[in-house]
Amino acid sequence: MAEKKTMMQEFTKGFLKENPVLRLVLGTCPTLAISTSVIGAIGMGISATAVLIGSNVVISALRKVIPAKVRIPAYIIVIAAFVTIVQMLVKAFAPAVDEMLGIYLPLIVVNCIILGRAEAFAGKNPVLASTVDGIGMGIGFTAAIVLMSIIREFFGAGSLAGIAIFPASIPPVAILILPPGGFFVYGLMMAFANKLAEKKGLKKATLEGCDACPMAQACALRGEDKAESEVTA
């Protein structure tokens, strides 16, 4: 029973407690860029989830084989392989979605959600737990970006999934599909997620610099941040 409970916790943590977009503040670039269209957001969510699950499984299975000194390049190679497969499938079966996602589909290779889960979880846990983690985090990411796209497309373009909703007499709030509108909606969603998490007794999502990032140990920027802090002090 305890094992099942643990697996359920691993699965559901990405929904709110550790939602990659609203709580960990990861993957903001595709979230802001693709969330102007519901169809594009769904395509990005499914693609990122497929890559996340596949890379988590392979990295977890090879975690004892990959040397620690080259683990980050090895992770990127594994992730890139899955991104290539997903991109080819999207191009073949959903060319319209591929056109919507544009450069952001291949950029999943360096998406900090994917690489972060590989470093923080899959590289340290067994295959089953890593698979569950990938599914849960993927659902959390997809839910966040789709919800954001619904708000932005509905109020900003007067449509949903490309189907006009607003009558011609009611002009949409066009700024919501522009970058400033994206940041505005993102901020509101993060505030709501923080409030909901607070009611459930969870800590607020805060930006704590490089030390809070799952890639902090391997990232050169962390050393630069510390050097700048020492100079400032």
Protein backbone atom coordinates (compact mmCIF):
# COMPACT_ATOMS: atom_id res chain seq x y z
CA MET A 1 0.00 0.00 0.00
CA ALA A 2 2.83 2.38 0.84
CA GLU A 3 4.39 1.83 -2.60
CA LYS A 4 1.11 2.62 -4.34
CA LYS A 5 0.73 5.77 -2.30
CA THR A 6 4.25 6.84 -3.24
CA MET A 7 3.56 6.24 -6.95
CA MET A 8 0.37 8.28 -6.70
CA GLN A 9 2.27 11.13 -5.07
CA GLU A 10 4.88 11.00 -7.83
CA PHE A 11 2.11 11.09 -10.42
CA THR A 12 0.09 13.97 -8.95
CA LYS A 13 2.93 16.27 -7.82
CA GLY A 14 3.18 17.80 -11.30
CA PHE A 15 -0.47 18.89 -11.24
CA LEU A 16 -0.06 21.60 -8.59
CA LYS A 17 2.62 20.97 -5.94
CA GLU A 18 5.47 20.93 -8.47
CA ASN A 19 3.72 22.12 -11.60
CA PRO A 20 6.64 22.85 -13.96
CA VAL A 21 5.09 26.01 -15.41
CA LEU A 22 3.17 27.58 -12.53
CA ARG A 23 5.21 26.43 -9.52
CA LEU A 24 8.75 25.65 -10.72
CA VAL A 25 8.64 28.40 -13.38
CA LEU A 26 10.23 26.18 -16.05
CA GLY A 27 9.52 26.07 -19.77
CA THR A 28 8.31 29.67 -19.88
CA CYS A 29 9.60 30.28 -23.42
CA PRO A 30 7.32 27.76 -25.22
CA THR A 31 4.53 28.51 -22.76
CA LEU A 32 4.44 32.19 -23.69
CA ALA A 33 5.14 31.69 -27.39
CA ILE A 34 2.74 28.83 -28.20
CA SER A 35 -0.16 29.69 -25.89
CA THR A 36 -1.83 31.99 -28.44
CA SER A 37 -3.54 28.96 -30.00
CA VAL A 38 -5.31 26.05 -28.28
CA ILE A 39 -4.36 23.62 -31.05
CA GLY A 40 -0.71 24.70 -30.89
CA ALA A 41 -0.71 24.40 -27.08
CA ILE A 42 -2.15 20.87 -27.22
CA GLY A 43 0.44 19.91 -29.84
CA MET A 44 3.28 21.31 -27.74
CA GLY A 45 1.96 19.64 -24.58
CA ILE A 46 1.64 16.21 -26.18
CA SER A 47 5.04 16.49 -27.89
CA ALA A 48 6.83 17.59 -24.72
CA THR A 49 5.09 14.88 -22.69
CA ALA A 50 6.11 12.16 -25.16
CA VAL A 51 9.73 13.33 -25.07
CA LEU A 52 9.65 13.64 -21.28
CA ILE A 53 8.36 10.10 -20.75
CA GLY A 54 10.71 8.53 -23.30
CA SER A 55 13.82 10.34 -22.07
CA ASN A 56 12.97 9.65 -18.42
CA VAL A 57 12.63 5.93 -19.11
CA VAL A 58 15.92 5.63 -21.06
CA ILE A 59 17.93 7.86 -18.72
CA SER A 60 16.63 6.00 -15.68
CA ALA A 61 17.46 2.64 -17.26
CA LEU A 62 21.02 3.82 -18.05
CA ARG A 63 21.59 5.83 -14.87
CA LYS A 64 24.16 3.35 -13.49
CA VAL A 65 25.98 3.10 -16.82
CA ILE A 66 26.35 6.79 -17.74
CA PRO A 67 29.56 8.25 -16.18
CA ALA A 68 28.85 11.20 -13.89
CA LYS A 69 31.26 13.50 -15.77
CA VAL A 70 29.40 13.17 -19.08
CA ARG A 71 25.85 12.74 -17.82
CA ILE A 72 24.58 16.10 -19.12
CA PRO A 73 25.82 15.55 -22.72
CA ALA A 74 24.46 11.98 -22.53
CA TYR A 75 21.07 13.28 -21.35
CA ILE A 76 20.95 15.80 -24.19
CA ILE A 77 21.73 13.08 -26.76
CA VAL A 78 18.90 10.91 -25.42
CA ILE A 79 16.46 13.84 -25.36
CA ALA A 80 17.51 14.93 -28.87
CA ALA A 81 16.83 11.43 -30.20
CA PHE A 82 13.27 11.47 -28.85
CA VAL A 83 12.69 15.04 -30.08
CA THR A 84 13.78 13.98 -33.58
CA ILE A 85 11.35 11.04 -33.53
CA VAL A 86 8.48 13.21 -32.28
CA GLN A 87 9.22 15.96 -34.81
CA MET A 88 9.23 13.48 -37.70
CA LEU A 89 5.90 12.03 -36.54
CA VAL A 90 4.34 15.49 -36.20
CA LYS A 91 5.61 16.49 -39.64
CA ALA A 92 4.17 13.31 -41.15
CA PHE A 93 0.78 13.16 -39.43
CA ALA A 94 0.06 16.75 -38.31
CA PRO A 95 1.88 19.18 -40.64
CA ALA A 96 -0.40 22.05 -39.61
CA VAL A 97 0.61 21.59 -35.96
CA ASP A 98 4.27 21.35 -37.00
CA GLU A 99 3.92 24.71 -38.76
CA MET A 100 2.29 26.24 -35.68
CA LEU A 101 5.02 25.03 -33.33
CA GLY A 102 7.83 26.07 -35.69
CA ILE A 103 11.24 26.32 -34.05
CA TYR A 104 9.78 25.57 -30.62
CA LEU A 105 9.32 21.88 -31.45
CA PRO A 106 13.05 21.13 -32.00
CA LEU A 107 13.86 23.45 -29.09
CA ILE A 108 12.30 20.85 -26.77
CA VAL A 109 15.85 19.43 -26.78
CA VAL A 110 16.93 22.24 -24.44
CA ASN A 111 13.61 22.65 -22.63
CA CYS A 112 14.54 23.02 -18.97
CA ILE A 113 11.55 20.89 -17.90
CA ILE A 114 12.88 17.87 -19.82
CA LEU A 115 16.52 18.33 -18.83
CA GLY A 116 15.55 19.27 -15.28
CA ARG A 117 13.55 16.07 -14.73
CA ALA A 118 16.40 14.02 -16.19
CA GLU A 119 18.90 15.56 -13.78
CA ALA A 120 16.68 15.89 -10.71
CA PHE A 121 14.68 12.66 -10.95
CA ALA A 122 15.25 10.14 -13.77
CA GLY A 123 19.02 10.01 -13.20
CA LYS A 124 18.47 9.01 -9.56
CA ASN A 125 15.34 6.83 -9.55
CA PRO A 126 14.14 3.51 -11.02
CA VAL A 127 12.34 3.21 -14.35
CA LEU A 128 8.78 2.86 -13.01
CA ALA A 129 9.01 5.93 -10.78
CA SER A 130 10.66 7.92 -13.59
CA THR A 131 7.90 6.93 -16.00
CA VAL A 132 5.22 8.04 -13.54
CA ASP A 133 7.13 11.28 -12.91
CA GLY A 134 7.30 11.95 -16.67
CA ILE A 135 3.57 11.33 -17.16
CA GLY A 136 2.59 13.52 -14.21
CA MET A 137 4.89 16.38 -15.13
CA GLY A 138 3.80 16.15 -18.76
CA ILE A 139 0.14 16.38 -17.78
CA GLY A 140 0.88 19.34 -15.51
CA PHE A 141 2.75 21.16 -18.29
CA THR A 142 0.05 20.39 -20.87
CA ALA A 143 -2.77 21.49 -18.56
CA ALA A 144 -1.04 24.79 -17.76
CA ILE A 145 -0.20 25.71 -21.37
CA VAL A 146 -3.64 24.66 -22.68
CA LEU A 147 -5.48 26.63 -19.98
CA MET A 148 -3.35 29.67 -20.77
CA SER A 149 -4.04 29.28 -24.49
CA ILE A 150 -7.80 29.03 -23.88
CA ILE A 151 -7.76 32.34 -22.00
CA ARG A 152 -5.54 34.10 -24.53
CA GLU A 153 -7.24 32.83 -27.68
CA PHE A 154 -10.78 33.28 -26.36
CA PHE A 155 -10.38 36.84 -25.11
CA GLY A 156 -7.55 37.89 -27.43
CA ALA A 157 -8.79 36.52 -30.75
CA GLY A 158 -12.45 35.79 -30.01
CA SER A 159 -12.05 32.14 -30.99
CA LEU A 160 -11.31 28.67 -29.62
CA ALA A 161 -9.28 26.15 -31.60
CA GLY A 162 -9.66 28.44 -34.60
CA ILE A 163 -13.47 28.56 -34.39
CA ALA A 164 -14.89 32.09 -34.02
CA ILE A 165 -16.79 32.56 -30.75
CA PHE A 166 -17.26 36.31 -30.37
CA PRO A 167 -19.85 38.00 -32.63
CA ALA A 168 -18.45 40.56 -35.07
CA SER A 169 -19.92 43.39 -32.99
CA ILE A 170 -17.70 42.54 -30.00
CA PRO A 171 -14.01 43.24 -30.64
CA PRO A 172 -11.54 40.92 -28.86
CA VAL A 173 -8.85 42.21 -26.48
CA ALA A 174 -6.05 41.84 -29.03
CA ILE A 175 -3.26 42.63 -26.57
CA LEU A 176 -3.80 39.23 -24.94
CA ILE A 177 -2.35 37.41 -27.95
CA LEU A 178 0.68 39.72 -27.95
CA PRO A 179 3.74 39.17 -25.70
CA PRO A 180 2.62 41.68 -23.00
CA GLY A 181 -0.73 39.90 -22.78
CA GLY A 182 1.06 36.58 -22.44
CA PHE A 183 3.05 37.79 -19.45
CA PHE A 184 -0.11 39.28 -17.92
CA VAL A 185 -2.08 36.02 -18.19
CA TYR A 186 0.93 34.02 -17.00
CA GLY A 187 1.26 36.23 -13.94
CA LEU A 188 -2.44 35.86 -13.09
CA MET A 189 -2.25 32.08 -13.44
CA MET A 190 0.84 31.89 -11.22
CA ALA A 191 -0.87 34.05 -8.59
CA PHE A 192 -3.93 31.78 -8.67
CA ALA A 193 -1.76 28.65 -8.42
CA ASN A 194 0.12 30.17 -5.48
CA LYS A 195 -3.13 30.99 -3.72
CA LEU A 196 -4.48 27.50 -4.30
CA ALA A 197 -1.23 25.94 -3.09
CA GLU A 198 -1.27 28.15 0.00
CA LYS A 199 -4.76 26.92 0.87
CA LYS A 200 -3.47 23.35 0.61
CA GLY A 201 -0.61 24.16 2.97
CA LEU A 202 2.09 24.19 0.28
CA LYS A 203 4.95 26.69 0.02
CA LYS A 204 4.62 29.62 -2.36
CA ALA A 205 6.52 29.42 -5.63
CA THR A 206 9.47 31.79 -5.36
CA LEU A 207 12.39 32.61 -7.65
CA GLU A 208 15.51 31.77 -5.62
CA GLY A 209 18.18 32.19 -8.27
CA CYS A 210 20.36 29.44 -9.71
CA ASP A 211 20.50 27.44 -6.47
CA ALA A 212 16.81 26.52 -6.86
CA CYS A 213 17.33 25.07 -10.34
CA PRO A 214 17.64 21.27 -10.69
CA MET A 215 20.55 21.89 -13.09
CA ALA A 216 22.42 24.10 -10.62
CA GLN A 217 25.16 21.56 -9.93
CA ALA A 218 26.08 21.26 -13.60
CA CYS A 219 25.48 24.81 -14.81
CA ALA A 220 28.39 27.22 -15.23
CA LEU A 221 26.05 30.19 -14.70
CA ARG A 222 25.77 29.25 -11.03
CA GLY A 223 29.47 29.90 -10.56
CA GLU A 224 29.13 33.20 -12.41
CA ASP A 225 26.21 34.21 -10.17
CA LYS A 226 28.24 33.45 -7.05
CA ALA A 227 31.24 35.36 -8.40
CA GLU A 228 29.03 38.39 -9.15
CA SER A 229 27.52 38.18 -5.65
CA GLU A 230 30.98 38.16 -4.06
CA VAL A 231 32.08 41.15 -6.16
CA THR A 232 28.90 43.05 -5.23
CA ALA A 233 29.41 42.25 -1.56
